[in-house]
Amino acid sequence: MLEKYFEGQSTLAEEQELVEYFSGNHEFPDSLVRYRSMFSLLHMNRYQGVEIRGMENKIAGLIRDDEASSKPLPGRKRFYRYAAAATIAVLVGLSGVLLFQKSSSPVTDTYADPQLAYIEAQKALMYVSEKMNKGIKPLSSVSKINSATSQLKSLEKMDRSLEMLNLVSIIYVSSNLKK
């Protein structure tokens, strides 16, 4: 009868019989103990007056409303999602190829003499350093901005002293009002 119930083939009378059986206080075989709490909940819900009859229509209406409110993605957004997925797939594929090639070929030195390799590395680093220095040279005028802000600090001091003078003048005016 349980198989019939779980396949949705049972009648209401059979379901009621299952509910009554599992709501009883007798011993159950170990294989049926797990169903006891489920059927006892069904038994409690029947006597609490839960309205199940219109539930299917309500759920179907909610599903229809949700489907009507959900709009398909515009073509541009869909294109970007597919492009992102394709990019990720290409990156994963390339990383796999690179890892396979790296593991299959051993690394060999290009120079047999370590001193010669050191000199060549030094030349390459000097070239990079020259190019970086050439790119940094126009940025030297940025330090002038910092010198301009240091002059503004003296204006802050003047602003604070003016605020103090305003307070003094307010006090003076208030003391004259009392007289």
Protein backbone atom coordinates (compact mmCIF):
# COMPACT_ATOMS: atom_id res chain seq x y z
CA MET A 1 0.00 0.00 0.00
CA LEU A 2 2.96 2.35 0.67
CA GLU A 3 4.27 1.80 -2.84
CA LYS A 4 0.87 2.67 -4.24
CA TYR A 5 0.79 5.81 -2.06
CA PHE A 6 4.23 7.01 -3.17
CA GLU A 7 3.41 6.38 -6.82
CA GLY A 8 0.22 8.45 -6.43
CA GLN A 9 -2.06 5.51 -7.24
CA SER A 10 -3.77 5.15 -3.84
CA THR A 11 -7.37 6.11 -3.11
CA LEU A 12 -8.44 8.49 -0.35
CA ALA A 13 -9.68 5.57 1.71
CA GLU A 14 -6.30 3.83 1.44
CA GLU A 15 -4.52 7.04 2.40
CA GLN A 16 -6.81 7.41 5.42
CA GLU A 17 -6.03 3.83 6.39
CA LEU A 18 -2.27 4.56 6.21
CA VAL A 19 -2.69 7.69 8.34
CA GLU A 20 -4.66 5.79 10.98
CA TYR A 21 -2.15 2.93 10.98
CA PHE A 22 0.88 5.19 11.47
CA SER A 23 -0.84 7.41 14.05
CA GLY A 24 -1.42 4.42 16.31
CA ASN A 25 0.71 3.64 19.38
CA HIS A 26 1.75 0.11 18.41
CA GLU A 27 5.21 -1.19 17.45
CA PHE A 28 6.40 -0.75 13.85
CA PRO A 29 8.96 -2.77 11.92
CA ASP A 30 12.29 -0.96 11.54
CA SER A 31 11.68 -0.41 7.82
CA LEU A 32 8.45 1.54 8.52
CA VAL A 33 9.55 3.71 11.48
CA ARG A 34 10.77 6.46 9.17
CA TYR A 35 7.25 6.94 7.73
CA ARG A 36 5.60 7.38 11.12
CA SER A 37 6.43 11.10 11.53
CA MET A 38 5.27 11.91 7.99
CA PHE A 39 1.87 10.26 8.43
CA SER A 40 1.43 11.65 11.95
CA LEU A 41 1.87 15.15 10.48
CA LEU A 42 -0.81 14.36 7.91
CA HIS A 43 -3.07 13.15 10.72
CA MET A 44 -2.54 16.36 12.73
CA ASN A 45 -3.16 18.58 9.70
CA ARG A 46 -6.50 16.90 8.95
CA TYR A 47 -7.78 17.67 12.43
CA GLN A 48 -6.44 21.23 12.47
CA GLY A 49 -8.64 22.18 9.56
CA VAL A 50 -5.98 22.82 6.95
CA GLU A 51 -7.64 23.61 3.64
CA ILE A 52 -5.93 21.56 0.94
CA ARG A 53 -8.69 21.60 -1.68
CA GLY A 54 -7.92 24.96 -3.30
CA MET A 55 -4.16 24.64 -2.78
CA GLU A 56 -3.43 23.16 -6.21
CA ASN A 57 -5.17 26.02 -7.98
CA LYS A 58 -3.36 28.57 -5.82
CA ILE A 59 0.03 27.01 -6.58
CA ALA A 60 -0.75 26.83 -10.29
CA GLY A 61 -1.78 30.50 -10.22
CA LEU A 62 1.44 31.49 -8.46
CA ILE A 63 3.48 29.56 -11.02
CA ARG A 64 1.62 31.26 -13.89
CA ASP A 65 2.18 34.69 -12.31
CA ASP A 66 5.86 33.97 -11.85
CA GLU A 67 6.27 32.77 -15.43
CA ALA A 68 4.44 35.83 -16.74
CA SER A 69 6.61 38.20 -14.71
CA SER A 70 9.91 36.58 -15.69
CA LYS A 71 11.16 38.03 -18.92
CA PRO A 72 13.69 36.33 -21.19
CA LEU A 73 17.12 37.89 -21.30
CA PRO A 74 17.63 40.45 -24.02
CA GLY A 75 19.84 39.32 -26.88
CA ARG A 76 22.82 41.42 -25.79
CA LYS A 77 22.89 40.04 -22.24
CA ARG A 78 22.53 36.49 -23.54
CA PHE A 79 25.44 37.13 -25.93
CA TYR A 80 27.66 38.34 -23.08
CA ARG A 81 26.87 35.27 -21.01
CA TYR A 82 27.75 32.96 -23.90
CA ALA A 83 30.91 34.96 -24.61
CA ALA A 84 31.99 34.70 -20.96
CA ALA A 85 31.35 30.94 -20.96
CA ALA A 86 33.31 30.52 -24.20
CA THR A 87 36.20 32.58 -22.82
CA ILE A 88 36.37 30.44 -19.70
CA ALA A 89 36.32 27.27 -21.81
CA VAL A 90 39.17 28.56 -24.00
CA LEU A 91 41.24 29.54 -20.95
CA VAL A 92 40.75 26.15 -19.34
CA GLY A 93 41.73 24.43 -22.59
CA LEU A 94 44.84 26.57 -23.07
CA SER A 95 45.97 26.05 -19.49
CA GLY A 96 45.59 22.28 -19.97
CA VAL A 97 47.65 22.38 -23.17
CA LEU A 98 50.35 24.50 -21.54
CA LEU A 99 50.55 22.23 -18.51
CA PHE A 100 50.80 19.18 -20.75
CA GLN A 101 53.59 20.74 -22.83
CA LYS A 102 55.45 21.91 -19.74
CA SER A 103 55.43 18.44 -18.21
CA SER A 104 56.46 16.69 -21.43
CA SER A 105 59.59 18.72 -22.28
CA PRO A 106 62.45 19.14 -19.79
CA VAL A 107 63.91 22.62 -19.30
CA THR A 108 67.40 23.10 -20.74
CA ASP A 109 69.86 25.93 -20.20
CA THR A 110 70.46 28.30 -23.10
CA TYR A 111 74.00 29.08 -21.97
CA ALA A 112 76.57 26.51 -20.98
CA ASP A 113 78.72 29.11 -19.20
CA PRO A 114 77.06 30.61 -16.08
CA GLN A 115 79.17 33.79 -16.32
CA LEU A 116 77.93 34.43 -19.87
CA ALA A 117 74.30 33.84 -18.72
CA TYR A 118 74.82 36.35 -15.89
CA ILE A 119 76.12 39.00 -18.30
CA GLU A 120 73.17 38.50 -20.65
CA ALA A 121 70.69 38.72 -17.76
CA GLN A 122 72.38 41.94 -16.61
CA LYS A 123 72.05 43.42 -20.11
CA ALA A 124 68.34 42.56 -20.24
CA LEU A 125 67.71 44.09 -16.82
CA MET A 126 69.61 47.27 -17.76
CA TYR A 127 67.45 47.59 -20.89
CA VAL A 128 64.27 47.25 -18.82
CA SER A 129 65.61 49.77 -16.27
CA GLU A 130 66.36 52.35 -18.99
CA LYS A 131 62.87 52.01 -20.44
CA MET A 132 61.26 52.36 -17.01
CA ASN A 133 63.35 55.44 -16.16
CA LYS A 134 62.35 57.01 -19.47
CA GLY A 135 58.67 56.41 -18.58
CA ILE A 136 59.05 57.75 -15.03
CA LYS A 137 60.77 61.01 -16.05
CA PRO A 138 57.51 62.85 -17.03
CA LEU A 139 56.06 61.95 -13.62
CA SER A 140 58.68 64.01 -11.77
CA SER A 141 56.41 67.07 -11.98
CA VAL A 142 53.87 65.25 -9.78
CA SER A 143 56.00 66.11 -6.74
CA LYS A 144 55.16 69.79 -7.34
CA ILE A 145 51.57 68.98 -6.39
CA ASN A 146 52.72 67.94 -2.93
CA SER A 147 54.58 71.24 -2.44
CA ALA A 148 51.41 73.17 -3.27
CA THR A 149 49.42 71.31 -0.64
CA SER A 150 52.00 72.16 2.03
CA GLN A 151 51.29 75.86 1.43
CA LEU A 152 47.61 75.21 2.02
CA LYS A 153 48.36 74.09 5.59
CA SER A 154 49.21 77.67 6.55
CA LEU A 155 45.77 78.69 5.24
CA GLU A 156 44.20 76.10 7.55
CA LYS A 157 45.92 77.79 10.51
CA MET A 158 44.52 81.15 9.40
CA ASP A 159 41.06 79.65 9.09
CA ARG A 160 41.22 78.29 12.65
CA SER A 161 42.33 81.66 14.01
CA LEU A 162 39.45 83.41 12.19
CA GLU A 163 37.01 80.98 13.80
CA MET A 164 38.45 81.84 17.21
CA LEU A 165 38.07 85.56 16.46
CA ASN A 166 34.44 84.97 15.48
CA LEU A 167 33.83 83.24 18.82
CA VAL A 168 35.44 86.16 20.66
CA SER A 169 33.29 88.67 18.77
CA ILE A 170 30.13 86.66 19.60
CA ILE A 171 31.08 86.65 23.28
CA TYR A 172 31.78 90.40 23.15
CA VAL A 173 28.42 91.11 21.52
CA SER A 174 26.58 88.95 24.05
CA SER A 175 28.30 90.71 26.97
CA ASN A 176 27.25 94.12 25.57
CA LEU A 177 23.64 92.93 25.34
CA LYS A 178 23.54 92.19 29.08
CA LYS A 179 24.50 95.81 29.92
